[in-house]
Amino acid sequence: MDSLGAIQKLAVMFPPFFIAIIFHEFAHGWIASRFGDDTAKHSGRLTLNPVPHVDIVGTLVLPAIMMSTGSGILFGWAKPVPINPSRFSHYRKGLFWVSFAGPLMNFFLGLLSAFAFVLINRFVPSSFYLSEPLKWMTSVSVYLNFGLGFFNLLPLPPLDGSKIIESFLSYDATQKFEQLGNYSFFILMALIMTNALSFLMYPIQFCAQFSLGIAYALVGGTGIF
């Protein structure tokens, strides 16, 4: 990846990132609708059309700069899908699954990306001019999706992990816990700058290799990722 130029890095990394965050937000809205909350639908956000989900800075500008410059950090976001937990048919169960839906979608996309990588590696001839770019793109997608999934499970408001925790808390405890959101940005910046988030690489690496192992076992062939 380091040998790629700025435009090449952007071309390889941006599509997986874009798909990952759009599907992440869609999953939140879709599961919310299963629990009786149609807020996302009425807001025009229960769709895989990327346009309503795009945040100019978080979805396009900032990620593009980080990708093209080879930054060791990739940070970005889509517009959060509007959710109204008070409309859930089962509040705690709904809050848990709606919150978990985004990371779960990314884990699923990571697994699909692993199969896509193996299929390309197995059946697309190396002489095909898009062979290497497709391998790079799908390999990026595997790690990016597992990374996004595990990052969002961090128990810091407003990340999904905090809502999962809130699904088990009382009202008073939830109010106190949400106050942590006032400091979440600074906590995250401190974790990033001190490289404390590197512990996430263990589950990311494990899930990526496990997914690829399953894909190779089912599709056949051998390869090194």
C-alpha atoms as a PDB file:
ATOM      1  CA  MET A   1       0.000   0.000   0.000  1.00  0.00           C
ATOM      2  CA  ASP A   2       2.872   2.405   0.786  1.00  0.00           C
ATOM      3  CA  SER A   3       4.055   2.115  -2.816  1.00  0.00           C
ATOM      4  CA  LEU A   4       0.768   3.448  -4.185  1.00  0.00           C
ATOM      5  CA  GLY A   5       0.389   7.084  -5.180  1.00  0.00           C
ATOM      6  CA  ALA A   6      -2.087   9.475  -3.551  1.00  0.00           C
ATOM      7  CA  ILE A   7      -4.765   9.008  -6.221  1.00  0.00           C
ATOM      8  CA  GLN A   8      -4.285   5.246  -6.213  1.00  0.00           C
ATOM      9  CA  LYS A   9      -4.639   5.085  -2.428  1.00  0.00           C
ATOM     10  CA  LEU A  10      -7.824   7.116  -2.631  1.00  0.00           C
ATOM     11  CA  ALA A  11      -9.218   4.896  -5.398  1.00  0.00           C
ATOM     12  CA  VAL A  12      -8.452   1.721  -3.435  1.00  0.00           C
ATOM     13  CA  MET A  13      -9.516   2.850   0.032  1.00  0.00           C
ATOM     14  CA  PHE A  14     -12.452   5.179  -0.490  1.00  0.00           C
ATOM     15  CA  PRO A  15     -15.034   2.755  -1.981  1.00  0.00           C
ATOM     16  CA  PRO A  16     -14.744   0.249   0.934  1.00  0.00           C
ATOM     17  CA  PHE A  17     -14.892   3.095   3.460  1.00  0.00           C
ATOM     18  CA  PHE A  18     -17.898   4.685   1.767  1.00  0.00           C
ATOM     19  CA  ILE A  19     -19.813   1.408   1.599  1.00  0.00           C
ATOM     20  CA  ALA A  20     -18.920   0.540   5.201  1.00  0.00           C
ATOM     21  CA  ILE A  21     -20.305   3.713   6.777  1.00  0.00           C
ATOM     22  CA  ILE A  22     -23.409   3.906   4.553  1.00  0.00           C
ATOM     23  CA  PHE A  23     -24.395   0.300   5.282  1.00  0.00           C
ATOM     24  CA  HIS A  24     -23.590   0.889   8.969  1.00  0.00           C
ATOM     25  CA  GLU A  25     -26.112   3.706   9.223  1.00  0.00           C
ATOM     26  CA  PHE A  26     -28.705   1.900   7.127  1.00  0.00           C
ATOM     27  CA  ALA A  27     -28.505  -1.087   9.487  1.00  0.00           C
ATOM     28  CA  HIS A  28     -29.348   1.116  12.473  1.00  0.00           C
ATOM     29  CA  GLY A  29     -32.427   2.477  10.740  1.00  0.00           C
ATOM     30  CA  TRP A  30     -33.592  -0.869   9.379  1.00  0.00           C
ATOM     31  CA  ILE A  31     -33.416  -2.650  12.745  1.00  0.00           C
ATOM     32  CA  ALA A  32     -35.121   0.335  14.400  1.00  0.00           C
ATOM     33  CA  SER A  33     -38.001  -0.084  11.956  1.00  0.00           C
ATOM     34  CA  ARG A  34     -38.242  -3.770  12.973  1.00  0.00           C
ATOM     35  CA  PHE A  35     -38.817  -2.581  16.538  1.00  0.00           C
ATOM     36  CA  GLY A  36     -41.512  -0.098  15.551  1.00  0.00           C
ATOM     37  CA  ASP A  37     -39.554   3.120  15.096  1.00  0.00           C
ATOM     38  CA  ASP A  38     -40.153   4.511  11.602  1.00  0.00           C
ATOM     39  CA  THR A  39     -38.301   7.800  12.220  1.00  0.00           C
ATOM     40  CA  ALA A  40     -35.550   6.923   9.755  1.00  0.00           C
ATOM     41  CA  LYS A  41     -38.086   5.990   7.078  1.00  0.00           C
ATOM     42  CA  HIS A  42     -40.039   9.234   7.433  1.00  0.00           C
ATOM     43  CA  SER A  43     -36.755  11.162   7.373  1.00  0.00           C
ATOM     44  CA  GLY A  44     -35.794   9.576   4.062  1.00  0.00           C
ATOM     45  CA  ARG A  45     -32.860   7.788   5.665  1.00  0.00           C
ATOM     46  CA  LEU A  46     -34.022   4.183   5.451  1.00  0.00           C
ATOM     47  CA  THR A  47     -32.230   3.766   2.142  1.00  0.00           C
ATOM     48  CA  LEU A  48     -28.949   2.542   0.679  1.00  0.00           C
ATOM     49  CA  ASN A  49     -28.903   5.606  -1.560  1.00  0.00           C
ATOM     50  CA  PRO A  50     -25.732   7.245  -0.205  1.00  0.00           C
ATOM     51  CA  VAL A  51     -26.769  10.845  -0.850  1.00  0.00           C
ATOM     52  CA  PRO A  52     -28.997  11.334   2.258  1.00  0.00           C
ATOM     53  CA  HIS A  53     -26.298   9.805   4.471  1.00  0.00           C
ATOM     54  CA  VAL A  54     -23.337  11.849   3.242  1.00  0.00           C
ATOM     55  CA  ASP A  55     -21.721  14.397   5.524  1.00  0.00           C
ATOM     56  CA  ILE A  56     -19.494  16.593   3.350  1.00  0.00           C
ATOM     57  CA  VAL A  57     -16.684  16.860   5.886  1.00  0.00           C
ATOM     58  CA  GLY A  58     -16.937  13.506   7.652  1.00  0.00           C
ATOM     59  CA  THR A  59     -17.766  11.320   4.642  1.00  0.00           C
ATOM     60  CA  LEU A  60     -15.835  13.024   1.855  1.00  0.00           C
ATOM     61  CA  VAL A  61     -13.273  15.704   2.686  1.00  0.00           C
ATOM     62  CA  LEU A  62     -11.577  14.446   5.860  1.00  0.00           C
ATOM     63  CA  PRO A  63     -11.324  10.750   4.848  1.00  0.00           C
ATOM     64  CA  ALA A  64     -10.084  11.709   1.353  1.00  0.00           C
ATOM     65  CA  ILE A  65      -7.306  13.838   2.831  1.00  0.00           C
ATOM     66  CA  MET A  66      -6.243  11.109   5.245  1.00  0.00           C
ATOM     67  CA  MET A  67      -6.274   8.405   2.562  1.00  0.00           C
ATOM     68  CA  SER A  68      -4.428  10.376  -0.095  1.00  0.00           C
ATOM     69  CA  THR A  69      -1.733  11.580   2.312  1.00  0.00           C
ATOM     70  CA  GLY A  70      -1.096   8.116   3.726  1.00  0.00           C
ATOM     71  CA  SER A  71      -2.138   9.079   7.232  1.00  0.00           C
ATOM     72  CA  GLY A  72      -1.817   6.262   9.740  1.00  0.00           C
ATOM     73  CA  ILE A  73      -5.251   7.229  11.043  1.00  0.00           C
ATOM     74  CA  LEU A  74      -8.506   6.977   9.117  1.00  0.00           C
ATOM     75  CA  PHE A  75     -11.318   8.968  10.654  1.00  0.00           C
ATOM     76  CA  GLY A  76     -14.725   9.745   9.217  1.00  0.00           C
ATOM     77  CA  TRP A  77     -18.457   9.432   9.607  1.00  0.00           C
ATOM     78  CA  ALA A  78     -21.836   9.596   7.877  1.00  0.00           C
ATOM     79  CA  LYS A  79     -24.869  11.504   9.122  1.00  0.00           C
ATOM     80  CA  PRO A  80     -26.332   9.521  12.040  1.00  0.00           C
ATOM     81  CA  VAL A  81     -29.662   7.920  11.183  1.00  0.00           C
ATOM     82  CA  PRO A  82     -32.387   9.481  13.377  1.00  0.00           C
ATOM     83  CA  ILE A  83     -33.656   7.016  15.965  1.00  0.00           C
ATOM     84  CA  ASN A  84     -36.429   7.487  18.548  1.00  0.00           C
ATOM     85  CA  PRO A  85     -36.079   4.746  21.201  1.00  0.00           C
ATOM     86  CA  SER A  86     -39.358   5.794  22.826  1.00  0.00           C
ATOM     87  CA  ARG A  87     -41.122   4.242  19.825  1.00  0.00           C
ATOM     88  CA  PHE A  88     -39.526   0.828  20.275  1.00  0.00           C
ATOM     89  CA  SER A  89     -41.980  -1.970  20.960  1.00  0.00           C
ATOM     90  CA  HIS A  90     -39.466  -3.307  23.504  1.00  0.00           C
ATOM     91  CA  TYR A  91     -37.234  -0.496  24.745  1.00  0.00           C
ATOM     92  CA  ARG A  92     -34.226  -2.363  26.149  1.00  0.00           C
ATOM     93  CA  LYS A  93     -34.204  -5.094  23.534  1.00  0.00           C
ATOM     94  CA  GLY A  94     -34.679  -2.532  20.780  1.00  0.00           C
ATOM     95  CA  LEU A  95     -31.939  -0.236  22.057  1.00  0.00           C
ATOM     96  CA  PHE A  96     -29.508  -3.144  22.275  1.00  0.00           C
ATOM     97  CA  TRP A  97     -30.109  -4.525  18.783  1.00  0.00           C
ATOM     98  CA  VAL A  98     -30.435  -1.167  17.060  1.00  0.00           C
ATOM     99  CA  SER A  99     -27.115  -0.096  18.588  1.00  0.00           C
ATOM    100  CA  PHE A 100     -25.427  -3.388  17.771  1.00  0.00           C
ATOM    101  CA  ALA A 101     -26.804  -3.414  14.203  1.00  0.00           C
ATOM    102  CA  GLY A 102     -24.169  -1.002  12.849  1.00  0.00           C
ATOM    103  CA  PRO A 103     -21.108  -2.937  14.077  1.00  0.00           C
ATOM    104  CA  LEU A 104     -22.798  -6.222  13.178  1.00  0.00           C
ATOM    105  CA  MET A 105     -23.301  -4.990   9.613  1.00  0.00           C
ATOM    106  CA  ASN A 106     -19.609  -4.099   9.413  1.00  0.00           C
ATOM    107  CA  PHE A 107     -18.625  -7.556  10.657  1.00  0.00           C
ATOM    108  CA  PHE A 108     -20.840  -9.061   7.960  1.00  0.00           C
ATOM    109  CA  LEU A 109     -19.269  -6.819   5.299  1.00  0.00           C
ATOM    110  CA  GLY A 110     -15.826  -7.810   6.574  1.00  0.00           C
ATOM    111  CA  LEU A 111     -16.718 -11.473   6.067  1.00  0.00           C
ATOM    112  CA  LEU A 112     -18.134 -10.800   2.588  1.00  0.00           C
ATOM    113  CA  SER A 113     -14.985  -8.861   1.713  1.00  0.00           C
ATOM    114  CA  ALA A 114     -12.869 -11.819   2.768  1.00  0.00           C
ATOM    115  CA  PHE A 115     -14.814 -14.052   0.369  1.00  0.00           C
ATOM    116  CA  ALA A 116     -14.491 -11.434  -2.368  1.00  0.00           C
ATOM    117  CA  PHE A 117     -10.719 -11.310  -1.838  1.00  0.00           C
ATOM    118  CA  VAL A 118     -10.408 -15.093  -2.008  1.00  0.00           C
ATOM    119  CA  LEU A 119     -12.625 -15.341  -5.100  1.00  0.00           C
ATOM    120  CA  ILE A 120     -10.572 -12.695  -6.887  1.00  0.00           C
ATOM    121  CA  ASN A 121      -7.324 -14.328  -5.797  1.00  0.00           C
ATOM    122  CA  ARG A 122      -8.608 -17.722  -6.904  1.00  0.00           C
ATOM    123  CA  PHE A 123     -10.385 -17.008 -10.179  1.00  0.00           C
ATOM    124  CA  VAL A 124      -9.299 -13.620 -11.569  1.00  0.00           C
ATOM    125  CA  PRO A 125      -6.116 -14.016 -13.655  1.00  0.00           C
ATOM    126  CA  SER A 126      -3.215 -11.817 -12.641  1.00  0.00           C
ATOM    127  CA  SER A 127      -3.018 -10.633 -16.265  1.00  0.00           C
ATOM    128  CA  PHE A 128      -6.356  -8.834 -15.831  1.00  0.00           C
ATOM    129  CA  TYR A 129      -5.539  -5.143 -15.463  1.00  0.00           C
ATOM    130  CA  LEU A 130      -7.807  -4.648 -12.431  1.00  0.00           C
ATOM    131  CA  SER A 131      -6.642  -7.784 -10.620  1.00  0.00           C
ATOM    132  CA  GLU A 132      -4.254  -6.088  -8.192  1.00  0.00           C
ATOM    133  CA  PRO A 133      -6.463  -3.041  -7.485  1.00  0.00           C
ATOM    134  CA  LEU A 134      -9.390  -5.354  -6.691  1.00  0.00           C
ATOM    135  CA  LYS A 135      -7.207  -7.405  -4.350  1.00  0.00           C
ATOM    136  CA  TRP A 136      -6.066  -4.247  -2.580  1.00  0.00           C
ATOM    137  CA  MET A 137      -9.617  -2.919  -2.354  1.00  0.00           C
ATOM    138  CA  THR A 138     -11.110  -6.100  -0.904  1.00  0.00           C
ATOM    139  CA  SER A 139      -8.216  -6.572   1.520  1.00  0.00           C
ATOM    140  CA  VAL A 140      -8.678  -3.004   2.742  1.00  0.00           C
ATOM    141  CA  SER A 141     -12.400  -3.677   3.110  1.00  0.00           C
ATOM    142  CA  VAL A 142     -11.793  -6.697   5.352  1.00  0.00           C
ATOM    143  CA  TYR A 143      -9.691  -4.785   7.868  1.00  0.00           C
ATOM    144  CA  LEU A 144     -11.607  -1.528   7.540  1.00  0.00           C
ATOM    145  CA  ASN A 145     -14.969  -3.116   8.312  1.00  0.00           C
ATOM    146  CA  PHE A 146     -13.732  -5.095  11.290  1.00  0.00           C
ATOM    147  CA  GLY A 147     -11.908  -1.991  12.480  1.00  0.00           C
ATOM    148  CA  LEU A 148     -15.004   0.190  12.169  1.00  0.00           C
ATOM    149  CA  GLY A 149     -17.119  -2.433  13.892  1.00  0.00           C
ATOM    150  CA  PHE A 150     -14.855  -2.820  16.907  1.00  0.00           C
ATOM    151  CA  PHE A 151     -14.177   0.919  17.162  1.00  0.00           C
ATOM    152  CA  ASN A 152     -17.898   1.644  17.369  1.00  0.00           C
ATOM    153  CA  LEU A 153     -18.241  -0.866  20.197  1.00  0.00           C
ATOM    154  CA  LEU A 154     -16.094   1.330  22.440  1.00  0.00           C
ATOM    155  CA  PRO A 155     -18.231   2.359  25.449  1.00  0.00           C
ATOM    156  CA  LEU A 156     -17.962   6.106  24.842  1.00  0.00           C
ATOM    157  CA  PRO A 157     -21.003   8.261  23.989  1.00  0.00           C
ATOM    158  CA  PRO A 158     -22.139   8.651  21.256  1.00  0.00           C
ATOM    159  CA  LEU A 159     -20.509   5.476  19.899  1.00  0.00           C
ATOM    160  CA  ASP A 160     -22.710   2.400  19.566  1.00  0.00           C
ATOM    161  CA  GLY A 161     -21.011   0.651  22.462  1.00  0.00           C
ATOM    162  CA  SER A 162     -22.333   3.259  24.877  1.00  0.00           C
ATOM    163  CA  LYS A 163     -25.926   2.654  23.747  1.00  0.00           C
ATOM    164  CA  ILE A 164     -25.472  -1.077  24.156  1.00  0.00           C
ATOM    165  CA  ILE A 165     -24.414  -0.460  27.759  1.00  0.00           C
ATOM    166  CA  GLU A 166     -27.350   1.895  28.292  1.00  0.00           C
ATOM    167  CA  SER A 167     -29.750  -0.877  27.293  1.00  0.00           C
ATOM    168  CA  PHE A 168     -28.831  -2.550  30.602  1.00  0.00           C
ATOM    169  CA  LEU A 169     -28.834   0.574  32.810  1.00  0.00           C
ATOM    170  CA  SER A 170     -31.559   2.206  34.850  1.00  0.00           C
ATOM    171  CA  TYR A 171     -32.806   5.673  33.904  1.00  0.00           C
ATOM    172  CA  ASP A 172     -30.698   7.436  36.544  1.00  0.00           C
ATOM    173  CA  ALA A 173     -27.600   5.441  35.678  1.00  0.00           C
ATOM    174  CA  THR A 174     -28.132   6.239  32.001  1.00  0.00           C
ATOM    175  CA  GLN A 175     -28.289   9.967  32.722  1.00  0.00           C
ATOM    176  CA  LYS A 176     -25.022   9.824  34.628  1.00  0.00           C
ATOM    177  CA  PHE A 177     -23.358   7.657  31.996  1.00  0.00           C
ATOM    178  CA  GLU A 178     -24.337  10.018  29.177  1.00  0.00           C
ATOM    179  CA  GLN A 179     -22.475  12.837  30.934  1.00  0.00           C
ATOM    180  CA  LEU A 180     -19.326  11.037  29.836  1.00  0.00           C
ATOM    181  CA  GLY A 181     -20.194  12.261  26.357  1.00  0.00           C
ATOM    182  CA  ASN A 182     -18.971  15.732  27.333  1.00  0.00           C
ATOM    183  CA  TYR A 183     -15.454  14.326  27.474  1.00  0.00           C
ATOM    184  CA  SER A 184     -15.633  11.632  24.767  1.00  0.00           C
ATOM    185  CA  PHE A 185     -13.820  13.690  22.129  1.00  0.00           C
ATOM    186  CA  PHE A 186     -10.901  14.417  24.418  1.00  0.00           C
ATOM    187  CA  ILE A 187     -10.764  10.813  25.619  1.00  0.00           C
ATOM    188  CA  LEU A 188     -10.715   9.546  22.035  1.00  0.00           C
ATOM    189  CA  MET A 189      -8.013  12.020  21.019  1.00  0.00           C
ATOM    190  CA  ALA A 190      -5.914  10.970  24.008  1.00  0.00           C
ATOM    191  CA  LEU A 191      -6.372   7.294  23.141  1.00  0.00           C
ATOM    192  CA  ILE A 192      -5.389   7.939  19.516  1.00  0.00           C
ATOM    193  CA  MET A 193      -2.381  10.124  20.302  1.00  0.00           C
ATOM    194  CA  THR A 194      -1.026   7.675  22.880  1.00  0.00           C
ATOM    195  CA  ASN A 195      -1.639   4.728  20.542  1.00  0.00           C
ATOM    196  CA  ALA A 196      -3.766   3.159  23.263  1.00  0.00           C
ATOM    197  CA  LEU A 197      -6.307   2.042  20.673  1.00  0.00           C
ATOM    198  CA  SER A 198      -3.726  -0.351  19.246  1.00  0.00           C
ATOM    199  CA  PHE A 199      -5.304  -3.063  21.423  1.00  0.00           C
ATOM    200  CA  LEU A 200      -8.149  -3.131  18.894  1.00  0.00           C
ATOM    201  CA  MET A 201      -5.750  -4.645  16.374  1.00  0.00           C
ATOM    202  CA  TYR A 202      -5.900  -7.980  18.202  1.00  0.00           C
ATOM    203  CA  PRO A 203      -9.615  -8.668  17.581  1.00  0.00           C
ATOM    204  CA  ILE A 204      -9.408  -7.009  14.148  1.00  0.00           C
ATOM    205  CA  GLN A 205      -6.500  -9.193  13.069  1.00  0.00           C
ATOM    206  CA  PHE A 206      -8.100 -12.311  14.520  1.00  0.00           C
ATOM    207  CA  CYS A 207     -11.447 -11.738  12.778  1.00  0.00           C
ATOM    208  CA  ALA A 208      -9.781 -10.854   9.465  1.00  0.00           C
ATOM    209  CA  GLN A 209      -7.625 -13.975   9.451  1.00  0.00           C
ATOM    210  CA  PHE A 210     -10.498 -16.155  10.680  1.00  0.00           C
ATOM    211  CA  SER A 211     -12.789 -14.853   7.918  1.00  0.00           C
ATOM    212  CA  LEU A 212     -10.134 -15.435   5.290  1.00  0.00           C
ATOM    213  CA  GLY A 213      -9.551 -18.924   6.647  1.00  0.00           C
ATOM    214  CA  ILE A 214     -13.245 -19.729   6.300  1.00  0.00           C
ATOM    215  CA  ALA A 215     -13.303 -18.274   2.784  1.00  0.00           C
ATOM    216  CA  TYR A 216     -10.273 -20.274   1.652  1.00  0.00           C
ATOM    217  CA  ALA A 217     -11.697 -23.429   3.220  1.00  0.00           C
ATOM    218  CA  LEU A 218     -15.007 -23.042   1.372  1.00  0.00           C
ATOM    219  CA  VAL A 219     -13.785 -21.610  -1.925  1.00  0.00           C
ATOM    220  CA  GLY A 220     -10.557 -23.582  -2.174  1.00  0.00           C
ATOM    221  CA  GLY A 221      -7.087 -22.548  -3.140  1.00  0.00           C
ATOM    222  CA  THR A 222      -4.284 -21.109  -1.074  1.00  0.00           C
ATOM    223  CA  GLY A 223      -3.011 -17.623  -0.550  1.00  0.00           C
ATOM    224  CA  ILE A 224      -1.340 -15.223   1.805  1.00  0.00           C
ATOM    225  CA  PHE A 225      -3.205 -12.152   3.012  1.00  0.00           C
END
